[in-house]
Amino acid sequence: MIRCPKCGKNFRNADSVILDVNYTFTHAGCYEHDYMSKDQGRFVDLVGKYSAFEGNIVHRFFASY
Protein backbone atom coordinates (compact mmCIF):
# COMPACT_ATOMS: atom_id res chain seq x y z
CA MET A 1 0.00 0.00 0.00
CA ILE A 2 0.99 3.60 -0.47
CA ARG A 3 1.31 5.69 2.68
CA CYS A 4 1.26 9.37 3.50
CA PRO A 5 4.82 10.54 4.24
CA LYS A 6 3.61 12.70 7.15
CA CYS A 7 1.17 10.51 9.11
CA GLY A 8 2.11 7.07 7.76
CA LYS A 9 -1.50 6.02 7.12
CA ASN A 10 -2.41 4.17 3.93
CA PHE A 11 -4.21 6.17 1.26
CA ARG A 12 -7.76 5.17 0.44
CA ASN A 13 -9.51 5.97 -2.83
CA ALA A 14 -11.74 8.67 -1.34
CA ASP A 15 -9.01 10.40 0.72
CA SER A 16 -8.51 14.10 0.03
CA VAL A 17 -4.87 14.50 -0.98
CA ILE A 18 -2.36 17.03 -2.25
CA LEU A 19 -0.01 16.14 -5.09
CA ASP A 20 3.20 18.17 -4.94
CA VAL A 21 5.63 19.14 -7.71
CA ASN A 22 7.68 15.98 -7.02
CA TYR A 23 4.57 13.82 -7.63
CA THR A 24 4.34 12.89 -3.94
CA PHE A 25 0.92 12.37 -2.39
CA THR A 26 0.18 13.74 1.09
CA HIS A 27 -3.15 13.79 2.93
CA ALA A 28 -4.68 17.26 2.64
CA GLY A 29 -4.81 17.56 6.43
CA CYS A 30 -1.12 16.66 6.74
CA TYR A 31 0.19 18.97 4.01
CA GLU A 32 2.16 22.03 5.16
CA HIS A 33 3.69 23.71 2.07
CA ASP A 34 1.01 25.20 -0.20
CA TYR A 35 3.55 26.79 -2.54
CA MET A 36 4.75 23.38 -3.76
CA SER A 37 1.35 21.85 -4.47
CA LYS A 38 0.59 20.78 -8.03
CA ASP A 39 -2.99 19.57 -7.59
CA GLN A 40 -5.48 18.42 -5.01
CA GLY A 41 -8.48 16.12 -4.96
CA ARG A 42 -9.45 12.53 -4.22
CA PHE A 43 -6.54 10.09 -4.31
CA VAL A 44 -8.09 7.81 -6.93
CA ASP A 45 -8.92 10.77 -9.21
CA LEU A 46 -5.38 12.15 -9.15
CA VAL A 47 -3.83 8.74 -9.84
CA GLY A 48 -6.02 8.49 -12.95
CA LYS A 49 -5.41 12.09 -14.03
CA TYR A 50 -1.62 12.14 -14.36
CA SER A 51 0.28 10.16 -16.96
CA ALA A 52 3.24 9.92 -14.55
CA PHE A 53 1.30 7.17 -12.76
CA GLU A 54 0.05 5.43 -15.90
CA GLY A 55 1.42 1.93 -16.25
CA ASN A 56 3.07 1.80 -12.84
CA ILE A 57 2.01 -0.18 -9.80
CA VAL A 58 -0.10 2.67 -8.37
CA HIS A 59 -2.22 3.02 -11.49
CA ARG A 60 -2.66 -0.74 -11.98
CA PHE A 61 -3.64 -1.27 -8.36
CA PHE A 62 -6.36 1.38 -8.30
CA ALA A 63 -7.59 0.74 -11.84
CA SER A 64 -8.70 -2.70 -10.63
CA TYR A 65 -11.35 -1.19 -8.29
PDB file of N, CA and C in Angstrom:
ATOM      1  N   MET A   1       0.836  -1.193   0.000  1.00  0.00           N
ATOM      2  CA  MET A   1       0.000   0.000   0.000  1.00  0.00           C
ATOM      3  C   MET A   1       0.878   1.252   0.000  1.00  0.00           C
ATOM      4  N   ILE A   2       0.284   2.328  -0.411  1.00  0.00           N
ATOM      5  CA  ILE A   2       0.987   3.602  -0.473  1.00  0.00           C
ATOM      6  C   ILE A   2       0.588   4.414   0.757  1.00  0.00           C
ATOM      7  N   ARG A   3       1.570   4.983   1.428  1.00  0.00           N
ATOM      8  CA  ARG A   3       1.314   5.693   2.680  1.00  0.00           C
ATOM      9  C   ARG A   3       1.661   7.172   2.570  1.00  0.00           C
ATOM     10  N   CYS A   4       0.975   7.949   3.380  1.00  0.00           N
ATOM     11  CA  CYS A   4       1.261   9.371   3.501  1.00  0.00           C
ATOM     12  C   CYS A   4       2.626   9.533   4.177  1.00  0.00           C
ATOM     13  N   PRO A   5       3.502  10.374   3.632  1.00  0.00           N
ATOM     14  CA  PRO A   5       4.817  10.543   4.239  1.00  0.00           C
ATOM     15  C   PRO A   5       4.788  11.271   5.578  1.00  0.00           C
ATOM     16  N   LYS A   6       3.705  11.953   5.883  1.00  0.00           N
ATOM     17  CA  LYS A   6       3.612  12.696   7.147  1.00  0.00           C
ATOM     18  C   LYS A   6       3.023  11.861   8.275  1.00  0.00           C
ATOM     19  N   CYS A   7       1.855  11.238   8.041  1.00  0.00           N
ATOM     20  CA  CYS A   7       1.169  10.512   9.115  1.00  0.00           C
ATOM     21  C   CYS A   7       1.392   9.007   9.057  1.00  0.00           C
ATOM     22  N   GLY A   8       1.838   8.492   7.904  1.00  0.00           N
ATOM     23  CA  GLY A   8       2.112   7.070   7.760  1.00  0.00           C
ATOM     24  C   GLY A   8       0.896   6.199   7.502  1.00  0.00           C
ATOM     25  N   LYS A   9      -0.291   6.799   7.385  1.00  0.00           N
ATOM     26  CA  LYS A   9      -1.501   6.020   7.120  1.00  0.00           C
ATOM     27  C   LYS A   9      -1.620   5.712   5.627  1.00  0.00           C
ATOM     28  N   ASN A  10      -2.175   4.549   5.324  1.00  0.00           N
ATOM     29  CA  ASN A  10      -2.412   4.171   3.927  1.00  0.00           C
ATOM     30  C   ASN A  10      -3.426   5.098   3.289  1.00  0.00           C
ATOM     31  N   PHE A  11      -3.221   5.390   2.002  1.00  0.00           N
ATOM     32  CA  PHE A  11      -4.205   6.169   1.260  1.00  0.00           C
ATOM     33  C   PHE A  11      -5.370   5.275   0.873  1.00  0.00           C
ATOM     34  N   ARG A  12      -6.547   5.839   0.927  1.00  0.00           N
ATOM     35  CA  ARG A  12      -7.756   5.169   0.439  1.00  0.00           C
ATOM     36  C   ARG A  12      -8.271   5.963  -0.744  1.00  0.00           C
ATOM     37  N   ASN A  13      -9.044   5.327  -1.600  1.00  0.00           N
ATOM     38  CA  ASN A  13      -9.515   5.974  -2.829  1.00  0.00           C
ATOM     39  C   ASN A  13     -10.165   7.331  -2.590  1.00  0.00           C
ATOM     40  N   ALA A  14     -10.980   7.452  -1.562  1.00  0.00           N
ATOM     41  CA  ALA A  14     -11.744   8.672  -1.335  1.00  0.00           C
ATOM     42  C   ALA A  14     -10.988   9.720  -0.522  1.00  0.00           C
ATOM     43  N   ASP A  15      -9.767   9.440  -0.091  1.00  0.00           N
ATOM     44  CA  ASP A  15      -9.010  10.402   0.715  1.00  0.00           C
ATOM     45  C   ASP A  15      -8.731  11.671  -0.075  1.00  0.00           C
ATOM     46  N   SER A  16      -8.862  12.807   0.605  1.00  0.00           N
ATOM     47  CA  SER A  16      -8.510  14.096   0.026  1.00  0.00           C
ATOM     48  C   SER A  16      -7.004  14.260   0.163  1.00  0.00           C
ATOM     49  N   VAL A  17      -6.330  14.445  -0.972  1.00  0.00           N
ATOM     50  CA  VAL A  17      -4.868  14.500  -0.975  1.00  0.00           C
ATOM     51  C   VAL A  17      -4.355  15.700  -1.756  1.00  0.00           C
ATOM     52  N   ILE A  18      -3.096  16.014  -1.505  1.00  0.00           N
ATOM     53  CA  ILE A  18      -2.365  17.029  -2.251  1.00  0.00           C
ATOM     54  C   ILE A  18      -1.272  16.296  -3.024  1.00  0.00           C
ATOM     55  N   LEU A  19      -1.103  16.651  -4.279  1.00  0.00           N
ATOM     56  CA  LEU A  19      -0.008  16.137  -5.094  1.00  0.00           C
ATOM     57  C   LEU A  19       0.979  17.282  -5.250  1.00  0.00           C
ATOM     58  N   ASP A  20       2.233  17.075  -4.835  1.00  0.00           N
ATOM     59  CA  ASP A  20       3.202  18.165  -4.939  1.00  0.00           C
ATOM     60  C   ASP A  20       3.982  18.096  -6.251  1.00  0.00           C
ATOM     61  N   VAL A  21       4.892  19.041  -6.447  1.00  0.00           N
ATOM     62  CA  VAL A  21       5.629  19.143  -7.709  1.00  0.00           C
ATOM     63  C   VAL A  21       6.566  17.959  -7.936  1.00  0.00           C
ATOM     64  N   ASN A  22       6.848  17.180  -6.899  1.00  0.00           N
ATOM     65  CA  ASN A  22       7.676  15.976  -7.025  1.00  0.00           C
ATOM     66  C   ASN A  22       6.826  14.723  -7.207  1.00  0.00           C
ATOM     67  N   TYR A  23       5.530  14.909  -7.467  1.00  0.00           N
ATOM     68  CA  TYR A  23       4.567  13.817  -7.627  1.00  0.00           C
ATOM     69  C   TYR A  23       4.486  12.937  -6.378  1.00  0.00           C
ATOM     70  N   THR A  24       4.503  13.574  -5.222  1.00  0.00           N
ATOM     71  CA  THR A  24       4.343  12.895  -3.942  1.00  0.00           C
ATOM     72  C   THR A  24       2.965  13.212  -3.398  1.00  0.00           C
ATOM     73  N   PHE A  25       2.234  12.176  -2.998  1.00  0.00           N
ATOM     74  CA  PHE A  25       0.925  12.370  -2.393  1.00  0.00           C
ATOM     75  C   PHE A  25       1.073  12.588  -0.898  1.00  0.00           C
ATOM     76  N   THR A  26       0.265  13.506  -0.354  1.00  0.00           N
ATOM     77  CA  THR A  26       0.180  13.741   1.085  1.00  0.00           C
ATOM     78  C   THR A  26      -1.285  14.003   1.404  1.00  0.00           C
ATOM     79  N   HIS A  27      -1.775  13.474   2.526  1.00  0.00           N
ATOM     80  CA  HIS A  27      -3.150  13.789   2.925  1.00  0.00           C
ATOM     81  C   HIS A  27      -3.302  15.307   3.021  1.00  0.00           C
ATOM     82  N   ALA A  28      -4.445  15.815   2.611  1.00  0.00           N
ATOM     83  CA  ALA A  28      -4.681  17.258   2.638  1.00  0.00           C
ATOM     84  C   ALA A  28      -4.510  17.821   4.047  1.00  0.00           C
ATOM     85  N   GLY A  29      -4.941  17.089   5.055  1.00  0.00           N
ATOM     86  CA  GLY A  29      -4.813  17.557   6.432  1.00  0.00           C
ATOM     87  C   GLY A  29      -3.399  17.516   6.969  1.00  0.00           C
ATOM     88  N   CYS A  30      -2.514  16.798   6.307  1.00  0.00           N
ATOM     89  CA  CYS A  30      -1.117  16.664   6.736  1.00  0.00           C
ATOM     90  C   CYS A  30      -0.195  17.632   6.000  1.00  0.00           C
ATOM     91  N   TYR A  31      -0.663  18.176   4.894  1.00  0.00           N
ATOM     92  CA  TYR A  31       0.195  18.972   4.010  1.00  0.00           C
ATOM     93  C   TYR A  31       0.496  20.334   4.612  1.00  0.00           C
ATOM     94  N   GLU A  32       1.758  20.777   4.528  1.00  0.00           N
ATOM     95  CA  GLU A  32       2.163  22.035   5.160  1.00  0.00           C
ATOM     96  C   GLU A  32       2.672  23.102   4.191  1.00  0.00           C
ATOM     97  N   HIS A  33       3.036  22.767   2.965  1.00  0.00           N
ATOM     98  CA  HIS A  33       3.686  23.713   2.066  1.00  0.00           C
ATOM     99  C   HIS A  33       2.827  23.976   0.828  1.00  0.00           C
ATOM    100  N   ASP A  34       1.919  24.925   0.908  1.00  0.00           N
ATOM    101  CA  ASP A  34       1.007  25.205  -0.197  1.00  0.00           C
ATOM    102  C   ASP A  34       1.712  25.650  -1.476  1.00  0.00           C
ATOM    103  N   TYR A  35       2.870  26.269  -1.355  1.00  0.00           N
ATOM    104  CA  TYR A  35       3.549  26.790  -2.536  1.00  0.00           C
ATOM    105  C   TYR A  35       4.109  25.701  -3.446  1.00  0.00           C
ATOM    106  N   MET A  36       4.205  24.464  -2.948  1.00  0.00           N
ATOM    107  CA  MET A  36       4.746  23.381  -3.762  1.00  0.00           C
ATOM    108  C   MET A  36       3.665  22.440  -4.284  1.00  0.00           C
ATOM    109  N   SER A  37       2.412  22.761  -4.039  1.00  0.00           N
ATOM    110  CA  SER A  37       1.353  21.855  -4.475  1.00  0.00           C
ATOM    111  C   SER A  37       1.132  21.973  -5.980  1.00  0.00           C
ATOM    112  N   LYS A  38       0.863  20.845  -6.593  1.00  0.00           N
ATOM    113  CA  LYS A  38       0.588  20.784  -8.027  1.00  0.00           C
ATOM    114  C   LYS A  38      -0.904  20.647  -8.271  1.00  0.00           C
ATOM    115  N   ASP A  39      -1.567  19.830  -7.427  1.00  0.00           N
ATOM    116  CA  ASP A  39      -2.990  19.572  -7.593  1.00  0.00           C
ATOM    117  C   ASP A  39      -3.539  19.024  -6.284  1.00  0.00           C
ATOM    118  N   GLN A  40      -4.842  19.030  -6.169  1.00  0.00           N
ATOM    119  CA  GLN A  40      -5.481  18.421  -5.009  1.00  0.00           C
ATOM    120  C   GLN A  40      -6.803  17.817  -5.419  1.00  0.00           C
ATOM    121  N   GLY A  41      -7.229  16.812  -4.667  1.00  0.00           N
ATOM    122  CA  GLY A  41      -8.477  16.123  -4.956  1.00  0.00           C
ATOM    123  C   GLY A  41      -8.487  14.758  -4.302  1.00  0.00           C
ATOM    124  N   ARG A  42      -9.404  13.896  -4.758  1.00  0.00           N
ATOM    125  CA  ARG A  42      -9.449  12.530  -4.224  1.00  0.00           C
ATOM    126  C   ARG A  42      -8.263  11.742  -4.764  1.00  0.00           C
ATOM    127  N   PHE A  43      -7.722  10.876  -3.934  1.00  0.00           N
ATOM    128  CA  PHE A  43      -6.543  10.087  -4.307  1.00  0.00           C
ATOM    129  C   PHE A  43      -6.751   9.346  -5.621  1.00  0.00           C
ATOM    130  N   VAL A  44      -7.847   8.626  -5.731  1.00  0.00           N
ATOM    131  CA  VAL A  44      -8.093   7.814  -6.926  1.00  0.00           C
ATOM    132  C   VAL A  44      -8.215   8.686  -8.180  1.00  0.00           C
ATOM    133  N   ASP A  45      -8.775   9.884  -8.056  1.00  0.00           N
ATOM    134  CA  ASP A  45      -8.915  10.774  -9.210  1.00  0.00           C
ATOM    135  C   ASP A  45      -7.561  11.290  -9.695  1.00  0.00           C
ATOM    136  N   LEU A  46      -6.689  11.635  -8.759  1.00  0.00           N
ATOM    137  CA  LEU A  46      -5.378  12.152  -9.154  1.00  0.00           C
ATOM    138  C   LEU A  46      -4.497  11.067  -9.747  1.00  0.00           C
ATOM    139  N   VAL A  47      -4.588   9.851  -9.249  1.00  0.00           N
ATOM    140  CA  VAL A  47      -3.827   8.742  -9.838  1.00  0.00           C
ATOM    141  C   VAL A  47      -4.237   8.555 -11.298  1.00  0.00           C
ATOM    142  N   GLY A  48      -5.525   8.653 -11.586  1.00  0.00           N
ATOM    143  CA  GLY A  48      -6.017   8.494 -12.955  1.00  0.00           C
ATOM    144  C   GLY A  48      -5.755   9.687 -13.847  1.00  0.00           C
ATOM    145  N   LYS A  49      -5.544  10.851 -13.265  1.00  0.00           N
ATOM    146  CA  LYS A  49      -5.411  12.089 -14.031  1.00  0.00           C
ATOM    147  C   LYS A  49      -4.018  12.290 -14.635  1.00  0.00           C
ATOM    148  N   TYR A  50      -2.985  11.842 -13.947  1.00  0.00           N
ATOM    149  CA  TYR A  50      -1.618  12.143 -14.362  1.00  0.00           C
ATOM    150  C   TYR A  50      -0.947  10.956 -15.036  1.00  0.00           C
ATOM    151  N   SER A  51      -0.377  11.221 -16.197  1.00  0.00           N
ATOM    152  CA  SER A  51       0.285  10.160 -16.958  1.00  0.00           C
ATOM    153  C   SER A  51       1.536   9.643 -16.252  1.00  0.00           C
ATOM    154  N   ALA A  52       2.074  10.378 -15.300  1.00  0.00           N
ATOM    155  CA  ALA A  52       3.244   9.916 -14.554  1.00  0.00           C
ATOM    156  C   ALA A  52       2.948   8.615 -13.816  1.00  0.00           C
ATOM    157  N   PHE A  53       1.684   8.375 -13.493  1.00  0.00           N
ATOM    158  CA  PHE A  53       1.303   7.168 -12.759  1.00  0.00           C
ATOM    159  C   PHE A  53       0.788   6.068 -13.690  1.00  0.00           C
ATOM    160  N   GLU A  54       0.590   6.393 -14.955  1.00  0.00           N
ATOM    161  CA  GLU A  54       0.054   5.426 -15.905  1.00  0.00           C
ATOM    162  C   GLU A  54       1.057   4.296 -16.140  1.00  0.00           C
ATOM    163  N   GLY A  55       0.587   3.083 -16.003  1.00  0.00           N
ATOM    164  CA  GLY A  55       1.424   1.927 -16.252  1.00  0.00           C
ATOM    165  C   GLY A  55       2.268   1.486 -15.074  1.00  0.00           C
ATOM    166  N   ASN A  56       2.289   2.258 -13.990  1.00  0.00           N
ATOM    167  CA  ASN A  56       3.069   1.803 -12.844  1.00  0.00           C
ATOM    168  C   ASN A  56       2.165   1.111 -11.835  1.00  0.00           C
ATOM    169  N   ILE A  57       2.738   0.633 -10.773  1.00  0.00           N
ATOM    170  CA  ILE A  57       2.011  -0.178  -9.797  1.00  0.00           C
ATOM    171  C   ILE A  57       0.837   0.577  -9.174  1.00  0.00           C
ATOM    172  N   VAL A  58       0.973   1.879  -8.964  1.00  0.00           N
ATOM    173  CA  VAL A  58      -0.102   2.665  -8.372  1.00  0.00           C
ATOM    174  C   VAL A  58      -1.324   2.653  -9.273  1.00  0.00           C
ATOM    175  N   HIS A  59      -1.117   2.947 -10.540  1.00  0.00           N
ATOM    176  CA  HIS A  59      -2.221   3.017 -11.489  1.00  0.00           C
ATOM    177  C   HIS A  59      -2.882   1.652 -11.664  1.00  0.00           C
ATOM    178  N   ARG A  60      -2.096   0.601 -11.801  1.00  0.00           N
ATOM    179  CA  ARG A  60      -2.658  -0.744 -11.984  1.00  0.00           C
ATOM    180  C   ARG A  60      -3.449  -1.185 -10.761  1.00  0.00           C
ATOM    181  N   PHE A  61      -2.962  -0.866  -9.581  1.00  0.00           N
ATOM    182  CA  PHE A  61      -3.639  -1.270  -8.360  1.00  0.00           C
ATOM    183  C   PHE A  61      -5.020  -0.615  -8.258  1.00  0.00           C
ATOM    184  N   PHE A  62      -5.094   0.685  -8.472  1.00  0.00           N
ATOM    185  CA  PHE A  62      -6.359   1.377  -8.298  1.00  0.00           C
ATOM    186  C   PHE A  62      -7.279   1.277  -9.512  1.00  0.00           C
ATOM    187  N   ALA A  63      -6.743   0.943 -10.660  1.00  0.00           N
ATOM    188  CA  ALA A  63      -7.589   0.741 -11.839  1.00  0.00           C
ATOM    189  C   ALA A  63      -8.416  -0.545 -11.692  1.00  0.00           C
ATOM    190  N   SER A  64      -7.988  -1.435 -10.807  1.00  0.00           N
ATOM    191  CA  SER A  64      -8.703  -2.702 -10.634  1.00  0.00           C
ATOM    192  C   SER A  64      -9.952  -2.551  -9.773  1.00  0.00           C
ATOM    193  N   TYR A  65     -10.170  -1.393  -9.147  1.00  0.00           N
ATOM    194  CA  TYR A  65     -11.351  -1.188  -8.293  1.00  0.00           C
ATOM    195  C   TYR A  65     -12.557  -0.769  -9.100  1.00  0.00           C
TER     196      TYR A  65
END
